Structures are given as C-alpha cells and as structure tokens.
N, C-alpha and C. Protein backbone atom coordinates (compact mmCIF):
# COMPACT_ATOMS: atom_id res chain seq x y z
N MET A 1 0.84 -1.17 0.00
CA MET A 1 0.00 0.00 0.00
C MET A 1 0.89 1.23 0.00
N SER A 2 0.61 2.14 -0.90
CA SER A 2 1.44 3.33 -0.97
C SER A 2 1.08 4.28 0.16
N SER A 3 2.07 5.01 0.62
CA SER A 3 1.78 5.93 1.70
C SER A 3 1.73 7.35 1.15
N PRO A 4 0.83 8.15 1.67
CA PRO A 4 0.70 9.53 1.22
C PRO A 4 1.79 10.39 1.79
N GLN A 5 1.76 11.65 1.42
CA GLN A 5 2.72 12.61 1.96
C GLN A 5 2.65 12.61 3.48
N ASN A 6 3.79 12.76 4.11
CA ASN A 6 3.83 12.84 5.57
C ASN A 6 3.30 14.20 5.99
N ASN A 7 2.30 14.19 6.84
CA ASN A 7 1.74 15.42 7.37
C ASN A 7 1.68 15.28 8.88
N ASN A 8 2.57 15.97 9.56
CA ASN A 8 2.67 15.83 11.00
C ASN A 8 1.52 16.49 11.76
N ASN A 9 0.67 17.25 11.08
CA ASN A 9 -0.40 17.96 11.75
C ASN A 9 -1.76 17.33 11.51
N SER A 10 -1.82 16.17 10.93
CA SER A 10 -3.11 15.57 10.65
C SER A 10 -3.30 14.32 11.51
N SER A 11 -4.52 13.87 11.55
CA SER A 11 -4.85 12.68 12.32
C SER A 11 -4.53 11.42 11.52
N TRP A 12 -4.57 10.27 12.18
CA TRP A 12 -4.37 9.01 11.48
C TRP A 12 -5.46 8.82 10.43
N ILE A 13 -6.69 9.20 10.76
CA ILE A 13 -7.80 9.03 9.82
C ILE A 13 -7.56 9.88 8.56
N SER A 14 -7.12 11.11 8.72
CA SER A 14 -6.81 11.95 7.55
C SER A 14 -5.68 11.34 6.74
N TRP A 15 -4.65 10.85 7.42
CA TRP A 15 -3.55 10.18 6.74
C TRP A 15 -4.05 8.97 5.96
N PHE A 16 -4.90 8.18 6.58
CA PHE A 16 -5.44 6.97 5.98
C PHE A 16 -6.26 7.29 4.73
N PHE A 17 -7.04 8.36 4.78
CA PHE A 17 -7.85 8.75 3.62
C PHE A 17 -7.01 9.36 2.51
N GLY A 18 -5.77 9.69 2.80
CA GLY A 18 -4.86 10.20 1.78
C GLY A 18 -4.22 9.09 0.96
N ILE A 19 -4.39 7.85 1.37
CA ILE A 19 -3.83 6.72 0.63
C ILE A 19 -4.70 6.43 -0.59
N LYS A 20 -4.06 6.29 -1.73
CA LYS A 20 -4.79 6.02 -2.98
C LYS A 20 -5.65 4.78 -2.82
N GLY A 21 -6.92 4.90 -3.20
CA GLY A 21 -7.88 3.81 -3.09
C GLY A 21 -8.82 3.96 -1.91
N ASN A 22 -8.42 4.74 -0.93
CA ASN A 22 -9.26 4.92 0.26
C ASN A 22 -10.23 6.08 0.13
N GLU A 23 -10.15 6.81 -0.97
CA GLU A 23 -11.03 7.97 -1.14
C GLU A 23 -12.50 7.56 -1.29
N PHE A 24 -12.76 6.30 -1.55
CA PHE A 24 -14.13 5.83 -1.70
C PHE A 24 -14.75 5.39 -0.37
N LEU A 25 -13.95 5.34 0.67
CA LEU A 25 -14.48 4.99 1.98
C LEU A 25 -15.20 6.19 2.59
N PHE A 26 -16.02 5.92 3.57
CA PHE A 26 -16.70 6.98 4.31
C PHE A 26 -15.93 7.23 5.60
N ARG A 27 -15.86 8.48 5.97
CA ARG A 27 -15.28 8.80 7.27
C ARG A 27 -16.29 8.40 8.33
N VAL A 28 -15.87 7.50 9.17
CA VAL A 28 -16.73 7.07 10.27
C VAL A 28 -16.69 8.16 11.33
N PRO A 29 -17.84 8.67 11.73
CA PRO A 29 -17.85 9.73 12.74
C PRO A 29 -17.16 9.28 14.04
N ILE A 30 -16.43 10.18 14.64
CA ILE A 30 -15.67 9.88 15.86
C ILE A 30 -16.60 9.38 16.96
N ASP A 31 -17.79 9.98 17.09
CA ASP A 31 -18.70 9.53 18.14
C ASP A 31 -19.16 8.09 17.89
N TYR A 32 -19.25 7.68 16.63
CA TYR A 32 -19.61 6.29 16.32
C TYR A 32 -18.47 5.35 16.75
N ILE A 33 -17.24 5.76 16.50
CA ILE A 33 -16.08 4.95 16.89
C ILE A 33 -15.99 4.82 18.41
N HIS A 34 -16.25 5.91 19.11
CA HIS A 34 -16.17 5.92 20.58
C HIS A 34 -17.24 5.05 21.24
N GLU A 35 -18.36 4.87 20.59
CA GLU A 35 -19.47 4.12 21.18
C GLU A 35 -19.05 2.66 21.38
N THR A 36 -19.03 2.21 22.62
CA THR A 36 -18.55 0.86 22.93
C THR A 36 -19.42 -0.21 22.28
N PHE A 37 -20.70 0.06 22.09
CA PHE A 37 -21.57 -0.93 21.44
C PHE A 37 -21.08 -1.23 20.03
N ASN A 38 -20.59 -0.22 19.33
CA ASN A 38 -20.11 -0.40 17.96
C ASN A 38 -18.77 -1.13 17.91
N GLN A 39 -18.09 -1.20 19.02
CA GLN A 39 -16.80 -1.89 19.10
C GLN A 39 -16.94 -3.35 19.52
N MET A 40 -18.14 -3.77 19.87
CA MET A 40 -18.35 -5.13 20.37
C MET A 40 -17.84 -6.17 19.37
N SER A 41 -17.15 -7.15 19.89
CA SER A 41 -16.61 -8.29 19.13
C SER A 41 -15.51 -7.90 18.15
N LEU A 42 -15.06 -6.66 18.17
CA LEU A 42 -13.93 -6.27 17.33
C LEU A 42 -12.69 -6.32 18.21
N GLU A 43 -11.81 -7.25 17.90
CA GLU A 43 -10.60 -7.37 18.69
C GLU A 43 -9.63 -6.25 18.33
N TYR A 44 -9.10 -5.61 19.32
CA TYR A 44 -8.10 -4.57 19.10
C TYR A 44 -7.38 -4.32 20.41
N PHE A 45 -6.25 -3.69 20.28
CA PHE A 45 -5.51 -3.25 21.44
C PHE A 45 -5.86 -1.80 21.70
N THR A 46 -5.84 -1.41 22.94
CA THR A 46 -6.14 -0.03 23.29
C THR A 46 -5.25 0.93 22.51
N GLU A 47 -4.00 0.53 22.29
CA GLU A 47 -3.06 1.38 21.56
C GLU A 47 -3.53 1.62 20.13
N THR A 48 -4.13 0.60 19.51
CA THR A 48 -4.64 0.73 18.14
C THR A 48 -5.71 1.81 18.08
N LEU A 49 -6.63 1.76 18.99
CA LEU A 49 -7.70 2.75 19.03
C LEU A 49 -7.15 4.13 19.33
N GLN A 50 -6.14 4.21 20.18
CA GLN A 50 -5.53 5.50 20.49
C GLN A 50 -4.87 6.11 19.26
N VAL A 51 -4.21 5.28 18.45
CA VAL A 51 -3.57 5.78 17.23
C VAL A 51 -4.63 6.32 16.28
N ILE A 52 -5.72 5.58 16.11
CA ILE A 52 -6.78 5.99 15.19
C ILE A 52 -7.44 7.30 15.64
N LEU A 53 -7.68 7.44 16.93
CA LEU A 53 -8.42 8.59 17.43
C LEU A 53 -7.54 9.78 17.79
N ASN A 54 -6.24 9.61 17.82
CA ASN A 54 -5.34 10.71 18.16
C ASN A 54 -5.46 11.81 17.10
N PRO A 55 -5.67 13.06 17.52
CA PRO A 55 -5.83 14.14 16.53
C PRO A 55 -4.55 14.48 15.78
N VAL A 56 -3.40 14.02 16.29
CA VAL A 56 -2.13 14.29 15.62
C VAL A 56 -1.44 12.96 15.35
N PHE A 57 -1.05 12.76 14.10
CA PHE A 57 -0.40 11.51 13.70
C PHE A 57 0.82 11.83 12.87
N ASP A 58 1.95 11.24 13.22
CA ASP A 58 3.18 11.40 12.45
C ASP A 58 3.51 10.06 11.83
N SER A 59 3.27 9.93 10.53
CA SER A 59 3.47 8.65 9.85
C SER A 59 4.94 8.26 9.75
N SER A 60 5.85 9.18 10.05
CA SER A 60 7.26 8.84 10.00
C SER A 60 7.72 8.09 11.25
N LEU A 61 6.90 8.13 12.30
CA LEU A 61 7.25 7.42 13.53
C LEU A 61 7.00 5.94 13.37
N ASP A 62 7.69 5.15 14.13
CA ASP A 62 7.60 3.70 14.00
C ASP A 62 6.72 3.09 15.10
N TRP A 63 5.79 3.86 15.66
CA TRP A 63 4.99 3.35 16.77
C TRP A 63 3.61 2.88 16.34
N VAL A 64 3.37 2.79 15.05
CA VAL A 64 2.09 2.28 14.57
C VAL A 64 2.11 0.76 14.71
N PHE A 65 1.01 0.19 15.16
CA PHE A 65 0.97 -1.22 15.51
C PHE A 65 0.60 -2.13 14.34
N GLY A 66 0.04 -1.59 13.28
CA GLY A 66 -0.26 -2.39 12.10
C GLY A 66 -1.70 -2.87 12.00
N ASP A 67 -2.44 -2.79 13.08
CA ASP A 67 -3.83 -3.25 13.06
C ASP A 67 -4.81 -2.11 12.78
N GLU A 68 -4.32 -0.89 12.67
CA GLU A 68 -5.20 0.26 12.53
C GLU A 68 -6.05 0.17 11.26
N GLU A 69 -5.43 -0.15 10.13
CA GLU A 69 -6.18 -0.22 8.88
C GLU A 69 -7.23 -1.32 8.92
N LYS A 70 -6.87 -2.45 9.46
CA LYS A 70 -7.81 -3.57 9.57
C LYS A 70 -8.97 -3.20 10.48
N TRP A 71 -8.67 -2.62 11.63
CA TRP A 71 -9.72 -2.27 12.58
C TRP A 71 -10.62 -1.19 12.01
N TYR A 72 -10.04 -0.16 11.37
CA TYR A 72 -10.86 0.90 10.79
C TYR A 72 -11.75 0.33 9.68
N GLY A 73 -11.24 -0.61 8.92
CA GLY A 73 -12.05 -1.27 7.90
C GLY A 73 -13.23 -2.01 8.49
N MET A 74 -13.03 -2.65 9.63
CA MET A 74 -14.12 -3.38 10.27
C MET A 74 -15.17 -2.42 10.84
N ILE A 75 -14.74 -1.34 11.48
CA ILE A 75 -15.71 -0.40 12.03
C ILE A 75 -16.40 0.34 10.89
N HIS A 76 -15.70 0.56 9.79
CA HIS A 76 -16.29 1.18 8.60
C HIS A 76 -17.39 0.29 8.03
N ALA A 77 -17.14 -1.00 7.96
CA ALA A 77 -18.14 -1.94 7.45
C ALA A 77 -19.39 -1.93 8.32
N ARG A 78 -19.21 -1.84 9.61
CA ARG A 78 -20.36 -1.75 10.52
C ARG A 78 -21.12 -0.45 10.31
N TYR A 79 -20.37 0.61 10.15
CA TYR A 79 -21.00 1.92 10.01
C TYR A 79 -21.85 2.00 8.75
N ILE A 80 -21.34 1.57 7.62
CA ILE A 80 -22.11 1.71 6.39
C ILE A 80 -23.33 0.79 6.35
N MET A 81 -23.38 -0.19 7.23
CA MET A 81 -24.56 -1.06 7.32
C MET A 81 -25.57 -0.52 8.34
N SER A 82 -25.19 0.50 9.08
CA SER A 82 -26.10 1.09 10.06
C SER A 82 -27.06 2.06 9.35
N GLU A 83 -28.14 2.41 10.02
CA GLU A 83 -29.10 3.35 9.44
C GLU A 83 -28.43 4.68 9.11
N ARG A 84 -27.60 5.13 10.01
CA ARG A 84 -26.88 6.38 9.82
C ARG A 84 -25.92 6.31 8.63
N GLY A 85 -25.23 5.19 8.50
CA GLY A 85 -24.30 5.00 7.40
C GLY A 85 -25.00 4.91 6.06
N VAL A 86 -26.11 4.19 6.02
CA VAL A 86 -26.89 4.07 4.77
C VAL A 86 -27.39 5.45 4.35
N ASP A 87 -27.80 6.25 5.33
CA ASP A 87 -28.25 7.61 5.01
C ASP A 87 -27.10 8.43 4.44
N ASP A 88 -25.90 8.28 4.99
CA ASP A 88 -24.73 8.98 4.44
C ASP A 88 -24.46 8.56 3.01
N ILE A 89 -24.58 7.27 2.73
CA ILE A 89 -24.37 6.76 1.37
C ILE A 89 -25.42 7.37 0.43
N ARG A 90 -26.66 7.40 0.87
CA ARG A 90 -27.74 7.97 0.06
C ARG A 90 -27.45 9.43 -0.27
N GLN A 91 -27.03 10.20 0.74
CA GLN A 91 -26.72 11.62 0.52
C GLN A 91 -25.56 11.79 -0.46
N LYS A 92 -24.56 10.95 -0.32
CA LYS A 92 -23.40 11.02 -1.22
C LYS A 92 -23.83 10.67 -2.65
N TYR A 93 -24.71 9.71 -2.79
CA TYR A 93 -25.22 9.33 -4.11
C TYR A 93 -26.03 10.47 -4.73
N LYS A 94 -26.88 11.10 -3.93
CA LYS A 94 -27.70 12.20 -4.43
C LYS A 94 -26.86 13.39 -4.87
N LYS A 95 -25.72 13.61 -4.19
CA LYS A 95 -24.83 14.72 -4.56
C LYS A 95 -24.03 14.39 -5.81
N GLY A 96 -24.07 13.14 -6.25
CA GLY A 96 -23.32 12.75 -7.45
C GLY A 96 -21.86 12.44 -7.19
N ASP A 97 -21.53 12.07 -5.96
CA ASP A 97 -20.15 11.78 -5.61
C ASP A 97 -19.64 10.47 -6.24
N PHE A 98 -20.56 9.61 -6.61
CA PHE A 98 -20.17 8.35 -7.25
C PHE A 98 -20.26 8.54 -8.76
N GLU A 99 -19.30 8.01 -9.46
CA GLU A 99 -19.31 8.14 -10.91
C GLU A 99 -20.36 7.21 -11.51
N VAL A 100 -20.83 7.54 -12.69
CA VAL A 100 -21.80 6.73 -13.39
C VAL A 100 -21.05 5.77 -14.31
N CYS A 101 -21.51 4.54 -14.35
CA CYS A 101 -20.89 3.55 -15.22
C CYS A 101 -21.04 3.98 -16.67
N PRO A 102 -19.95 4.03 -17.44
CA PRO A 102 -20.05 4.46 -18.83
C PRO A 102 -20.87 3.51 -19.70
N LYS A 103 -20.99 2.27 -19.29
CA LYS A 103 -21.75 1.28 -20.07
C LYS A 103 -23.25 1.38 -19.78
N LEU A 104 -23.64 2.19 -18.82
CA LEU A 104 -25.04 2.32 -18.47
C LEU A 104 -25.86 2.88 -19.64
N THR A 105 -25.26 3.71 -20.46
CA THR A 105 -25.98 4.31 -21.60
C THR A 105 -26.13 3.35 -22.76
N ASN A 106 -25.48 2.20 -22.71
CA ASN A 106 -25.55 1.23 -23.80
C ASN A 106 -26.78 0.36 -23.76
N ARG A 107 -27.67 0.56 -22.85
CA ARG A 107 -28.85 -0.30 -22.72
C ARG A 107 -29.81 -0.10 -23.83
C-alpha cells in the first residue's frame, strides 16, 4: 500500500484517507467509533484505538501497531450497514459523488 505525503499535523484518519484507493471509503464519525456498542466483538488493542483517534499523527514514527487499517475497515463496514451509514451513502449518491458507469448508456 502506498503511503501519502507525511503530514505531522493531521490525524491518522486523515492520513489513511490520503492513501490512494481509500477515497471511496466513508469517514466514520468519531462519536460512532467511541461508542462501545459499535466496538463489540472487534478485537483490538487499546493502543490501536488510540492511534486511530489521536488528533495528531506522524506517519514517520515507528509506533504504529499495524492493526489500525484492519480495525478501521471493520468499524467502517459496521457503520455503512447502520441506518446512519446508509443515510450517508444515500446523501453522497444524491450529490453525485459516485461516478456513473459508462456502459449504463448502452442499454
């Protein structure tokens, strides 16, 4: 996975969304991540969650544990299946944030 530009003033989540391919993910609201019910059955270390939620992240440091991307992916999957997440997807679709398939006009 390619890493984006190092930005010492951004959060891990901002850094993660700067990675090519992640622009199609939804930002999971911080309050959703903090809710312990949403974390149920997701194995993680406290340090992993601290890295994700820390408002300042320096990607040049070697203290990242490696589970952050996996854990954020799992909480993201839960979020987009929730009522709130589905509503976010609907709003994004209505705004035209998703591209239209070029073959759609061939019908």
